[in-house]
Amino acid sequence: MPRRIESLFLGGPAGKLEALLEEPETTPPVEAAVICHPHPQHGGTMHNKVVYRLARGLRRTGCVVLRFNYRGVNLSEGRYDGGFGETEDARVAMRELEQRYPELPVLLGGFSFGSRVALRLTSQEPAVKRVIAVGFPTRVAEREFVYHVDVPKYFVQSTNDEFGPEPELTEFFASLPEPKHLDWVPAEDHFFRDSLDAYERVIERIGSER
């Protein structure tokens, strides 16, 4: 039986949200993952290559994955809302997965700006069982919400991330409560240039650690 791939629109708080649902290739899903994309004002969409690799790596470990575009991105309605409205958009995506797969544990993941959205929503939603933060931008000062995330937190960072440099991310990570894990991927920049395969292997390993 071919795996399920469905393009859909969700009823978001600022209008319809464009989304893509994908089940695992060969097995029934064992975990439900919402993936959040990078900053919408800097070209971020659900089709970003780092987001795509995050989704594919998780699918390969048995996740059903829901990617979506925040308000105002591509076919999604509404306007940019400083990360707070985008968190509400992610909550709508999470509710969609909970409704479709009520028996599955929920994972949130995101890249760059999306890692902040995923962590913020996790701090507010007890139903989330774990969270993956890829390319966390330490240059954004407001991050107190991360200290309220008490489920397993997986950080994945490029060794040459210009928005989350290694010394800053190391110091921030050390200050966070357990449970937590940090993987460094030797790469040329924030977008894991020339190292996307190595990055995806890390995601697959994390996905298998449920």
N, C-alpha and C. Protein backbone atom coordinates (compact mmCIF):
# COMPACT_ATOMS: atom_id res chain seq x y z
N MET A 1 0.84 -1.19 0.00
CA MET A 1 0.00 0.00 0.00
C MET A 1 0.89 1.25 0.00
N PRO A 2 0.65 2.21 -0.92
CA PRO A 2 1.47 3.42 -0.93
C PRO A 2 1.23 4.25 0.33
N ARG A 3 2.29 4.93 0.77
CA ARG A 3 2.15 5.74 1.97
C ARG A 3 1.24 6.92 1.71
N ARG A 4 0.64 7.39 2.78
CA ARG A 4 -0.31 8.49 2.67
C ARG A 4 0.43 9.82 2.59
N ILE A 5 0.12 10.59 1.55
CA ILE A 5 0.60 11.96 1.41
C ILE A 5 -0.63 12.83 1.11
N GLU A 6 -0.88 13.82 1.94
CA GLU A 6 -2.09 14.62 1.78
C GLU A 6 -1.77 16.10 1.91
N SER A 7 -2.12 16.86 0.89
CA SER A 7 -2.08 18.32 0.98
C SER A 7 -3.42 18.79 1.53
N LEU A 8 -3.38 19.70 2.48
CA LEU A 8 -4.61 20.12 3.12
C LEU A 8 -4.51 21.55 3.62
N PHE A 9 -5.65 22.10 4.02
CA PHE A 9 -5.70 23.40 4.67
C PHE A 9 -6.29 23.24 6.06
N LEU A 10 -5.65 23.87 7.03
CA LEU A 10 -6.12 23.85 8.41
C LEU A 10 -6.82 25.17 8.72
N GLY A 11 -7.77 25.12 9.62
CA GLY A 11 -8.47 26.33 10.04
C GLY A 11 -7.68 27.06 11.11
N GLY A 12 -6.82 27.97 10.71
CA GLY A 12 -5.98 28.68 11.66
C GLY A 12 -6.67 29.89 12.26
N PRO A 13 -6.09 30.46 13.32
CA PRO A 13 -6.69 31.62 13.98
C PRO A 13 -6.69 32.88 13.13
N ALA A 14 -5.83 32.94 12.09
CA ALA A 14 -5.80 34.11 11.21
C ALA A 14 -6.25 33.75 9.80
N GLY A 15 -6.87 32.59 9.64
CA GLY A 15 -7.31 32.12 8.34
C GLY A 15 -6.72 30.76 8.03
N LYS A 16 -6.94 30.29 6.81
CA LYS A 16 -6.51 28.94 6.45
C LYS A 16 -4.98 28.85 6.44
N LEU A 17 -4.49 27.66 6.81
CA LEU A 17 -3.07 27.36 6.84
C LEU A 17 -2.78 26.21 5.88
N GLU A 18 -1.87 26.44 4.97
CA GLU A 18 -1.44 25.42 4.03
C GLU A 18 -0.60 24.38 4.75
N ALA A 19 -0.86 23.09 4.50
CA ALA A 19 -0.15 22.04 5.23
C ALA A 19 0.06 20.81 4.37
N LEU A 20 0.98 19.96 4.82
CA LEU A 20 1.30 18.71 4.12
C LEU A 20 1.48 17.61 5.15
N LEU A 21 0.67 16.57 5.04
CA LEU A 21 0.72 15.42 5.95
C LEU A 21 1.35 14.24 5.23
N GLU A 22 2.35 13.60 5.87
CA GLU A 22 3.02 12.45 5.27
C GLU A 22 3.21 11.36 6.32
N GLU A 23 2.75 10.16 5.98
CA GLU A 23 2.93 9.01 6.85
C GLU A 23 4.25 8.30 6.50
N PRO A 24 4.72 7.41 7.38
CA PRO A 24 5.95 6.67 7.08
C PRO A 24 5.82 5.85 5.80
N GLU A 25 6.97 5.56 5.21
CA GLU A 25 6.98 4.86 3.93
C GLU A 25 6.47 3.43 4.00
N THR A 26 6.83 2.68 5.04
CA THR A 26 6.59 1.23 5.01
C THR A 26 5.88 0.68 6.24
N THR A 27 5.73 1.46 7.28
CA THR A 27 5.15 0.94 8.52
C THR A 27 4.06 1.86 9.04
N PRO A 28 3.16 1.34 9.88
CA PRO A 28 2.18 2.22 10.51
C PRO A 28 2.88 3.24 11.40
N PRO A 29 2.35 4.46 11.52
CA PRO A 29 3.01 5.47 12.34
C PRO A 29 3.00 5.11 13.82
N VAL A 30 4.09 5.46 14.51
CA VAL A 30 4.20 5.20 15.94
C VAL A 30 4.35 6.49 16.75
N GLU A 31 4.49 7.62 16.06
CA GLU A 31 4.64 8.92 16.72
C GLU A 31 4.14 9.98 15.75
N ALA A 32 3.59 11.07 16.29
CA ALA A 32 3.05 12.15 15.45
C ALA A 32 3.89 13.41 15.64
N ALA A 33 4.42 13.95 14.55
CA ALA A 33 5.35 15.07 14.63
C ALA A 33 4.83 16.28 13.85
N VAL A 34 4.87 17.44 14.49
CA VAL A 34 4.61 18.73 13.84
C VAL A 34 5.95 19.41 13.63
N ILE A 35 6.21 19.88 12.42
CA ILE A 35 7.48 20.50 12.08
C ILE A 35 7.26 21.97 11.73
N CYS A 36 8.06 22.84 12.35
CA CYS A 36 7.92 24.29 12.19
C CYS A 36 9.08 24.86 11.39
N HIS A 37 8.77 25.70 10.43
CA HIS A 37 9.79 26.17 9.49
C HIS A 37 10.46 27.47 9.94
N PRO A 38 11.52 27.90 9.22
CA PRO A 38 12.26 29.10 9.62
C PRO A 38 11.46 30.40 9.44
N HIS A 39 12.14 31.50 9.68
CA HIS A 39 11.49 32.81 9.77
C HIS A 39 10.76 33.16 8.47
N PRO A 40 9.46 33.47 8.56
CA PRO A 40 8.69 33.76 7.36
C PRO A 40 9.10 35.05 6.67
N GLN A 41 9.74 35.96 7.39
CA GLN A 41 10.16 37.21 6.77
C GLN A 41 11.53 37.12 6.11
N HIS A 42 12.13 35.93 6.18
CA HIS A 42 13.42 35.72 5.54
C HIS A 42 13.38 34.51 4.61
N GLY A 43 12.22 34.28 4.02
CA GLY A 43 12.08 33.24 3.02
C GLY A 43 11.77 31.85 3.55
N GLY A 44 11.50 31.71 4.83
CA GLY A 44 11.22 30.41 5.40
C GLY A 44 9.86 29.86 4.98
N THR A 45 9.85 28.59 4.59
CA THR A 45 8.60 27.89 4.28
C THR A 45 8.74 26.43 4.72
N MET A 46 7.65 25.70 4.62
CA MET A 46 7.68 24.29 5.01
C MET A 46 8.50 23.45 4.05
N HIS A 47 8.90 24.04 2.91
CA HIS A 47 9.70 23.31 1.93
C HIS A 47 11.19 23.62 2.06
N ASN A 48 11.59 24.37 3.08
CA ASN A 48 13.01 24.61 3.35
C ASN A 48 13.75 23.27 3.43
N LYS A 49 14.96 23.21 2.90
CA LYS A 49 15.67 21.93 2.80
C LYS A 49 16.00 21.32 4.16
N VAL A 50 16.28 22.16 5.16
CA VAL A 50 16.57 21.61 6.49
C VAL A 50 15.29 21.06 7.13
N VAL A 51 14.18 21.74 6.91
CA VAL A 51 12.88 21.27 7.39
C VAL A 51 12.49 19.97 6.69
N TYR A 52 12.70 19.93 5.37
CA TYR A 52 12.38 18.71 4.61
C TYR A 52 13.18 17.52 5.14
N ARG A 53 14.47 17.73 5.40
CA ARG A 53 15.31 16.64 5.91
C ARG A 53 14.88 16.23 7.32
N LEU A 54 14.46 17.19 8.12
CA LEU A 54 13.95 16.88 9.46
C LEU A 54 12.71 16.00 9.35
N ALA A 55 11.80 16.39 8.47
CA ALA A 55 10.57 15.60 8.29
C ALA A 55 10.88 14.21 7.75
N ARG A 56 11.75 14.13 6.75
CA ARG A 56 12.06 12.83 6.15
C ARG A 56 12.78 11.91 7.14
N GLY A 57 13.74 12.46 7.88
CA GLY A 57 14.44 11.65 8.87
C GLY A 57 13.49 11.07 9.91
N LEU A 58 12.53 11.87 10.34
CA LEU A 58 11.56 11.38 11.33
C LEU A 58 10.60 10.36 10.72
N ARG A 59 10.19 10.59 9.48
CA ARG A 59 9.32 9.60 8.82
C ARG A 59 10.00 8.25 8.75
N ARG A 60 11.28 8.25 8.49
CA ARG A 60 12.01 6.99 8.37
C ARG A 60 12.07 6.22 9.68
N THR A 61 11.80 6.87 10.79
CA THR A 61 11.79 6.18 12.08
C THR A 61 10.37 5.90 12.55
N GLY A 62 9.38 6.16 11.70
CA GLY A 62 8.01 5.79 12.04
C GLY A 62 7.08 6.93 12.40
N CYS A 63 7.51 8.17 12.19
CA CYS A 63 6.63 9.30 12.49
C CYS A 63 5.69 9.60 11.33
N VAL A 64 4.46 9.96 11.65
CA VAL A 64 3.63 10.68 10.70
C VAL A 64 3.95 12.15 10.93
N VAL A 65 4.21 12.88 9.85
CA VAL A 65 4.73 14.25 9.96
C VAL A 65 3.77 15.23 9.30
N LEU A 66 3.50 16.31 10.03
CA LEU A 66 2.68 17.39 9.50
C LEU A 66 3.53 18.66 9.43
N ARG A 67 3.83 19.09 8.20
CA ARG A 67 4.47 20.39 7.97
C ARG A 67 3.39 21.39 7.59
N PHE A 68 3.63 22.66 7.85
CA PHE A 68 2.64 23.68 7.53
C PHE A 68 3.35 25.01 7.30
N ASN A 69 2.68 25.91 6.60
CA ASN A 69 3.18 27.27 6.44
C ASN A 69 2.48 28.20 7.41
N TYR A 70 3.28 28.98 8.13
CA TYR A 70 2.69 29.96 9.04
C TYR A 70 1.79 30.94 8.29
N ARG A 71 1.00 31.65 9.05
CA ARG A 71 0.14 32.72 8.52
C ARG A 71 0.96 33.64 7.60
N GLY A 72 0.39 33.93 6.43
CA GLY A 72 1.01 34.85 5.50
C GLY A 72 2.07 34.25 4.60
N VAL A 73 2.36 32.96 4.74
CA VAL A 73 3.39 32.31 3.91
C VAL A 73 2.72 31.49 2.81
N ASN A 74 3.13 31.73 1.56
CA ASN A 74 2.56 31.04 0.39
C ASN A 74 1.04 31.10 0.42
N LEU A 75 0.36 29.97 0.54
CA LEU A 75 -1.10 29.97 0.48
C LEU A 75 -1.77 30.14 1.83
N SER A 76 -1.00 30.29 2.90
CA SER A 76 -1.59 30.50 4.23
C SER A 76 -2.02 31.96 4.39
N GLU A 77 -3.16 32.15 4.99
CA GLU A 77 -3.72 33.50 5.15
C GLU A 77 -3.20 34.17 6.43
N GLY A 78 -3.32 35.48 6.47
CA GLY A 78 -2.93 36.23 7.66
C GLY A 78 -1.62 36.97 7.47
N ARG A 79 -1.10 37.51 8.57
CA ARG A 79 0.12 38.30 8.55
C ARG A 79 1.07 37.84 9.66
N TYR A 80 2.34 38.08 9.44
CA TYR A 80 3.38 37.76 10.43
C TYR A 80 3.02 38.37 11.78
N ASP A 81 3.28 37.60 12.86
CA ASP A 81 2.86 38.04 14.19
C ASP A 81 3.96 37.84 15.24
N GLY A 82 5.21 38.04 14.84
CA GLY A 82 6.29 38.09 15.81
C GLY A 82 6.59 36.81 16.55
N GLY A 83 6.12 35.69 16.05
CA GLY A 83 6.38 34.41 16.70
C GLY A 83 5.24 33.93 17.58
N PHE A 84 4.42 34.85 18.03
CA PHE A 84 3.33 34.46 18.93
C PHE A 84 2.14 33.90 18.16
N GLY A 85 1.73 34.59 17.11
CA GLY A 85 0.68 34.04 16.25
C GLY A 85 1.14 32.76 15.57
N GLU A 86 2.41 32.71 15.21
CA GLU A 86 2.96 31.51 14.58
C GLU A 86 2.94 30.31 15.53
N THR A 87 3.10 30.59 16.82
CA THR A 87 2.97 29.52 17.82
C THR A 87 1.54 29.00 17.85
N GLU A 88 0.58 29.90 17.71
CA GLU A 88 -0.82 29.48 17.66
C GLU A 88 -1.11 28.67 16.39
N ASP A 89 -0.45 29.03 15.29
CA ASP A 89 -0.58 28.24 14.07
C ASP A 89 -0.08 26.82 14.31
N ALA A 90 1.06 26.70 14.98
CA ALA A 90 1.62 25.37 15.29
C ALA A 90 0.69 24.59 16.21
N ARG A 91 0.01 25.29 17.10
CA ARG A 91 -0.93 24.61 18.00
C ARG A 91 -2.09 24.01 17.19
N VAL A 92 -2.56 24.74 16.18
CA VAL A 92 -3.61 24.22 15.31
C VAL A 92 -3.13 22.95 14.60
N ALA A 93 -1.90 22.96 14.12
CA ALA A 93 -1.35 21.77 13.46
C ALA A 93 -1.26 20.60 14.43
N MET A 94 -0.85 20.89 15.65
CA MET A 94 -0.77 19.84 16.67
C MET A 94 -2.15 19.25 16.96
N ARG A 95 -3.15 20.10 17.07
CA ARG A 95 -4.52 19.61 17.33
C ARG A 95 -5.01 18.73 16.18
N GLU A 96 -4.63 19.09 14.96
CA GLU A 96 -5.03 18.27 13.81
C GLU A 96 -4.45 16.87 13.93
N LEU A 97 -3.17 16.77 14.28
CA LEU A 97 -2.56 15.46 14.44
C LEU A 97 -3.18 14.69 15.61
N GLU A 98 -3.45 15.39 16.71
CA GLU A 98 -4.06 14.72 17.86
C GLU A 98 -5.42 14.15 17.49
N GLN A 99 -6.16 14.87 16.66
CA GLN A 99 -7.49 14.40 16.26
C GLN A 99 -7.39 13.19 15.33
N ARG A 100 -6.43 13.24 14.43
CA ARG A 100 -6.29 12.15 13.46
C ARG A 100 -5.62 10.90 14.04
N TYR A 101 -4.70 11.12 14.98
CA TYR A 101 -3.91 10.01 15.55
C TYR A 101 -3.94 10.10 17.08
N PRO A 102 -5.11 9.95 17.69
CA PRO A 102 -5.23 10.19 19.13
C PRO A 102 -4.41 9.23 20.00
N GLU A 103 -4.00 8.10 19.43
CA GLU A 103 -3.26 7.12 20.21
C GLU A 103 -1.75 7.36 20.19
N LEU A 104 -1.28 8.27 19.37
CA LEU A 104 0.16 8.45 19.19
C LEU A 104 0.74 9.57 20.08
N PRO A 105 1.95 9.37 20.61
CA PRO A 105 2.63 10.46 21.32
C PRO A 105 3.00 11.58 20.34
N VAL A 106 3.08 12.79 20.84
CA VAL A 106 3.32 13.96 20.00
C VAL A 106 4.75 14.46 20.17
N LEU A 107 5.39 14.73 19.06
CA LEU A 107 6.72 15.34 19.01
C LEU A 107 6.61 16.66 18.26
N LEU A 108 7.30 17.68 18.74
CA LEU A 108 7.40 18.94 18.00
C LEU A 108 8.84 19.14 17.56
N GLY A 109 9.02 19.67 16.38
CA GLY A 109 10.36 19.96 15.88
C GLY A 109 10.35 21.23 15.07
N GLY A 110 11.50 21.88 14.99
CA GLY A 110 11.57 23.09 14.19
C GLY A 110 12.99 23.50 13.93
N PHE A 111 13.15 24.30 12.88
CA PHE A 111 14.47 24.79 12.47
C PHE A 111 14.51 26.30 12.60
N SER A 112 15.58 26.80 13.26
CA SER A 112 15.84 28.23 13.38
C SER A 112 14.68 28.91 14.12
N PHE A 113 14.03 29.91 13.53
CA PHE A 113 12.83 30.50 14.12
C PHE A 113 11.84 29.42 14.52
N GLY A 114 11.75 28.38 13.70
CA GLY A 114 10.83 27.28 13.99
C GLY A 114 11.20 26.51 15.24
N SER A 115 12.50 26.49 15.60
CA SER A 115 12.89 25.82 16.84
C SER A 115 12.35 26.59 18.04
N ARG A 116 12.32 27.92 17.93
CA ARG A 116 11.75 28.74 19.00
C ARG A 116 10.24 28.50 19.12
N VAL A 117 9.57 28.42 17.98
CA VAL A 117 8.13 28.16 17.99
C VAL A 117 7.85 26.80 18.63
N ALA A 118 8.61 25.79 18.24
CA ALA A 118 8.40 24.44 18.78
C ALA A 118 8.65 24.40 20.29
N LEU A 119 9.70 25.04 20.74
CA LEU A 119 10.02 25.04 22.17
C LEU A 119 8.99 25.85 22.96
N ARG A 120 8.56 26.97 22.41
CA ARG A 120 7.54 27.77 23.11
C ARG A 120 6.25 26.98 23.26
N LEU A 121 5.81 26.33 22.18
CA LEU A 121 4.57 25.55 22.25
C LEU A 121 4.73 24.37 23.21
N THR A 122 5.88 23.73 23.19
CA THR A 122 6.12 22.62 24.12
C THR A 122 6.02 23.08 25.57
N SER A 123 6.49 24.28 25.85
CA SER A 123 6.42 24.81 27.23
C SER A 123 4.99 25.04 27.68
N GLN A 124 4.05 25.09 26.73
CA GLN A 124 2.65 25.38 27.03
C GLN A 124 1.74 24.15 26.95
N GLU A 125 2.24 23.08 26.33
CA GLU A 125 1.38 21.94 26.01
C GLU A 125 1.88 20.66 26.69
N PRO A 126 1.24 20.22 27.76
CA PRO A 126 1.67 19.01 28.45
C PRO A 126 1.62 17.76 27.59
N ALA A 127 0.85 17.78 26.51
CA ALA A 127 0.71 16.59 25.67
C ALA A 127 1.97 16.30 24.86
N VAL A 128 2.84 17.28 24.68
CA VAL A 128 4.06 17.07 23.89
C VAL A 128 5.04 16.21 24.69
N LYS A 129 5.52 15.15 24.09
CA LYS A 129 6.39 14.21 24.80
C LYS A 129 7.87 14.51 24.60
N ARG A 130 8.24 15.16 23.49
CA ARG A 130 9.63 15.54 23.27
C ARG A 130 9.69 16.58 22.16
N VAL A 131 10.85 17.26 22.06
CA VAL A 131 10.98 18.37 21.12
C VAL A 131 12.38 18.37 20.53
N ILE A 132 12.47 18.68 19.23
CA ILE A 132 13.76 18.78 18.54
C ILE A 132 13.94 20.21 18.07
N ALA A 133 15.02 20.84 18.52
CA ALA A 133 15.34 22.23 18.16
C ALA A 133 16.58 22.23 17.27
N VAL A 134 16.40 22.52 16.00
CA VAL A 134 17.51 22.52 15.04
C VAL A 134 17.91 23.97 14.75
N GLY A 135 19.20 24.25 14.83
CA GLY A 135 19.68 25.60 14.51
C GLY A 135 19.08 26.66 15.40
N PHE A 136 19.09 26.42 16.72
CA PHE A 136 18.48 27.36 17.65
C PHE A 136 19.25 28.69 17.59
N PRO A 137 18.52 29.82 17.37
CA PRO A 137 19.18 31.12 17.23
C PRO A 137 19.45 31.80 18.58
N THR A 138 20.64 31.66 19.09
CA THR A 138 20.98 32.25 20.39
C THR A 138 21.04 33.77 20.33
N ARG A 139 21.14 34.34 19.15
CA ARG A 139 21.23 35.79 19.02
C ARG A 139 19.91 36.49 19.35
N VAL A 140 18.83 35.71 19.49
CA VAL A 140 17.55 36.27 19.94
C VAL A 140 17.52 36.17 21.46
N ALA A 141 17.43 37.31 22.12
CA ALA A 141 17.62 37.35 23.57
C ALA A 141 16.47 36.69 24.34
N GLU A 142 15.24 36.82 23.87
CA GLU A 142 14.07 36.35 24.62
C GLU A 142 13.94 34.84 24.46
N ARG A 143 14.25 34.11 25.54
CA ARG A 143 14.15 32.65 25.48
C ARG A 143 13.88 32.03 26.84
N GLU A 144 13.29 32.79 27.73
CA GLU A 144 13.00 32.29 29.08
C GLU A 144 12.08 31.07 29.03
N PHE A 145 11.22 31.00 28.02
CA PHE A 145 10.26 29.89 27.92
C PHE A 145 10.96 28.54 27.81
N VAL A 146 12.18 28.51 27.29
CA VAL A 146 12.87 27.23 27.12
C VAL A 146 13.13 26.58 28.48
N TYR A 147 13.30 27.37 29.51
CA TYR A 147 13.57 26.83 30.84
C TYR A 147 12.35 26.14 31.44
N HIS A 148 11.19 26.29 30.80
CA HIS A 148 9.97 25.66 31.28
C HIS A 148 9.61 24.42 30.48
N VAL A 149 10.53 23.97 29.64
CA VAL A 149 10.33 22.74 28.87
C VAL A 149 10.94 21.59 29.67
N ASP A 150 10.09 20.72 30.18
CA ASP A 150 10.60 19.65 31.06
C ASP A 150 10.55 18.27 30.42
N VAL A 151 10.26 18.22 29.13
CA VAL A 151 10.34 16.94 28.40
C VAL A 151 11.70 16.87 27.70
N PRO A 152 12.09 15.70 27.16
CA PRO A 152 13.37 15.61 26.48
C PRO A 152 13.52 16.65 25.37
N LYS A 153 14.63 17.37 25.43
CA LYS A 153 14.94 18.44 24.48
C LYS A 153 16.18 18.04 23.68
N TYR A 154 16.03 17.91 22.39
CA TYR A 154 17.15 17.53 21.52
C TYR A 154 17.56 18.76 20.69
N PHE A 155 18.76 19.24 20.91
CA PHE A 155 19.28 20.35 20.13
C PHE A 155 20.25 19.80 19.08
N VAL A 156 20.10 20.26 17.85
CA VAL A 156 20.98 19.86 16.76
C VAL A 156 21.49 21.15 16.12
N GLN A 157 22.82 21.34 16.12
CA GLN A 157 23.39 22.61 15.71
C GLN A 157 24.60 22.41 14.79
N SER A 158 24.71 23.26 13.79
CA SER A 158 25.91 23.29 12.96
C SER A 158 27.07 23.87 13.76
N THR A 159 28.27 23.35 13.52
CA THR A 159 29.45 23.87 14.21
C THR A 159 29.82 25.28 13.73
N ASN A 160 29.25 25.71 12.62
CA ASN A 160 29.51 27.06 12.11
C ASN A 160 28.21 27.83 11.92
N ASP A 161 27.31 27.68 12.90
CA ASP A 161 26.03 28.38 12.83
C ASP A 161 26.24 29.86 13.17
N GLU A 162 25.96 30.71 12.22
CA GLU A 162 26.17 32.14 12.44
C GLU A 162 25.11 32.79 13.31
N PHE A 163 23.96 32.12 13.48
CA PHE A 163 22.90 32.66 14.32
C PHE A 163 22.85 32.01 15.71
N GLY A 164 23.56 30.91 15.85
CA GLY A 164 23.69 30.23 17.14
C GLY A 164 25.09 29.70 17.28
N PRO A 165 26.07 30.60 17.42
CA PRO A 165 27.48 30.18 17.45
C PRO A 165 27.77 29.18 18.57
N GLU A 166 28.75 28.35 18.33
CA GLU A 166 29.05 27.25 19.26
C GLU A 166 29.27 27.71 20.70
N PRO A 167 30.05 28.75 20.97
CA PRO A 167 30.22 29.17 22.37
C PRO A 167 28.92 29.60 23.03
N GLU A 168 28.09 30.33 22.29
CA GLU A 168 26.82 30.81 22.86
C GLU A 168 25.85 29.67 23.09
N LEU A 169 25.73 28.78 22.11
CA LEU A 169 24.80 27.66 22.26
C LEU A 169 25.26 26.72 23.36
N THR A 170 26.56 26.49 23.48
CA THR A 170 27.09 25.63 24.53
C THR A 170 26.76 26.17 25.91
N GLU A 171 26.94 27.46 26.08
CA GLU A 171 26.64 28.09 27.38
C GLU A 171 25.15 28.04 27.68
N PHE A 172 24.33 28.35 26.69
CA PHE A 172 22.89 28.30 26.89
C PHE A 172 22.42 26.88 27.21
N PHE A 173 22.89 25.92 26.44
CA PHE A 173 22.50 24.53 26.66
C PHE A 173 22.87 24.07 28.07
N ALA A 174 24.06 24.43 28.53
CA ALA A 174 24.50 24.02 29.87
C ALA A 174 23.59 24.57 30.96
N SER A 175 22.94 25.68 30.70
CA SER A 175 22.07 26.30 31.71
C SER A 175 20.68 25.69 31.77
N LEU A 176 20.34 24.85 30.80
CA LEU A 176 18.98 24.30 30.71
C LEU A 176 18.82 23.09 31.62
N PRO A 177 17.60 22.88 32.12
CA PRO A 177 17.34 21.71 32.96
C PRO A 177 17.32 20.43 32.12
N GLU A 178 17.58 19.33 32.75
CA GLU A 178 17.41 18.02 32.11
C GLU A 178 15.91 17.74 31.95
N PRO A 179 15.55 16.79 31.07
CA PRO A 179 16.40 16.01 30.17
C PRO A 179 16.73 16.80 28.91
N LYS A 180 17.96 16.62 28.42
CA LYS A 180 18.41 17.39 27.26
C LYS A 180 19.53 16.63 26.56
N HIS A 181 19.71 16.94 25.29
CA HIS A 181 20.80 16.33 24.52
C HIS A 181 21.20 17.31 23.43
N LEU A 182 22.49 17.37 23.13
CA LEU A 182 23.01 18.28 22.12
C LEU A 182 23.90 17.53 21.14
N ASP A 183 23.61 17.68 19.85
CA ASP A 183 24.44 17.12 18.78
C ASP A 183 25.00 18.26 17.94
N TRP A 184 26.31 18.23 17.74
CA TRP A 184 26.97 19.16 16.83
C TRP A 184 27.22 18.45 15.50
N VAL A 185 26.84 19.11 14.41
CA VAL A 185 27.07 18.57 13.08
C VAL A 185 28.12 19.45 12.39
N PRO A 186 29.29 18.90 12.05
CA PRO A 186 30.28 19.70 11.33
C PRO A 186 29.69 20.16 9.99
N ALA A 187 29.48 21.44 9.86
CA ALA A 187 28.84 21.99 8.66
C ALA A 187 29.35 23.41 8.44
N GLU A 188 29.09 23.94 7.25
CA GLU A 188 29.67 25.22 6.88
C GLU A 188 28.86 26.42 7.35
N ASP A 189 27.56 26.22 7.60
CA ASP A 189 26.75 27.37 8.00
C ASP A 189 25.48 26.91 8.71
N HIS A 190 24.64 27.89 9.01
CA HIS A 190 23.37 27.67 9.71
C HIS A 190 22.50 26.64 9.01
N PHE A 191 22.61 26.56 7.67
CA PHE A 191 21.76 25.68 6.88
C PHE A 191 22.41 24.32 6.61
N PHE A 192 23.44 23.98 7.36
CA PHE A 192 24.12 22.68 7.25
C PHE A 192 24.64 22.44 5.83
N ARG A 193 25.16 23.49 5.23
CA ARG A 193 25.68 23.38 3.87
C ARG A 193 26.79 22.32 3.81
N ASP A 194 26.67 21.45 2.81
CA ASP A 194 27.60 20.34 2.56
C ASP A 194 27.54 19.25 3.64
N SER A 195 26.56 19.32 4.54
CA SER A 195 26.47 18.32 5.61
C SER A 195 25.03 17.88 5.87
N LEU A 196 24.15 18.06 4.89
CA LEU A 196 22.75 17.71 5.12
C LEU A 196 22.56 16.21 5.36
N ASP A 197 23.36 15.38 4.71
CA ASP A 197 23.23 13.94 4.93
C ASP A 197 23.60 13.58 6.37
N ALA A 198 24.69 14.15 6.87
CA ALA A 198 25.10 13.89 8.25
C ALA A 198 24.05 14.41 9.22
N TYR A 199 23.51 15.58 8.94
CA TYR A 199 22.43 16.14 9.77
C TYR A 199 21.22 15.20 9.80
N GLU A 200 20.82 14.70 8.63
CA GLU A 200 19.65 13.82 8.59
C GLU A 200 19.89 12.53 9.35
N ARG A 201 21.11 12.02 9.33
CA ARG A 201 21.42 10.82 10.11
C ARG A 201 21.25 11.08 11.61
N VAL A 202 21.62 12.26 12.06
CA VAL A 202 21.40 12.62 13.47
C VAL A 202 19.91 12.63 13.78
N ILE A 203 19.12 13.19 12.88
CA ILE A 203 17.66 13.22 13.08
C ILE A 203 17.10 11.81 13.16
N GLU A 204 17.57 10.93 12.29
CA GLU A 204 17.09 9.55 12.33
C GLU A 204 17.44 8.88 13.66
N ARG A 205 18.63 9.14 14.15
CA ARG A 205 19.01 8.56 15.44
C ARG A 205 18.11 9.08 16.56
N ILE A 206 17.86 10.38 16.57
CA ILE A 206 16.99 10.95 17.58
C ILE A 206 15.58 10.37 17.45
N GLY A 207 15.10 10.26 16.23
CA GLY A 207 13.76 9.71 16.02
C GLY A 207 13.62 8.31 16.57
N SER A 208 14.70 7.56 16.53
CA SER A 208 14.67 6.17 17.01
C SER A 208 14.79 6.06 18.52
N GLU A 209 15.05 7.14 19.21
CA GLU A 209 15.26 7.09 20.65
C GLU A 209 13.98 7.28 21.46
N ARG A 210 12.87 6.98 20.88
CA ARG A 210 11.61 7.16 21.60
C ARG A 210 11.43 6.04 22.65
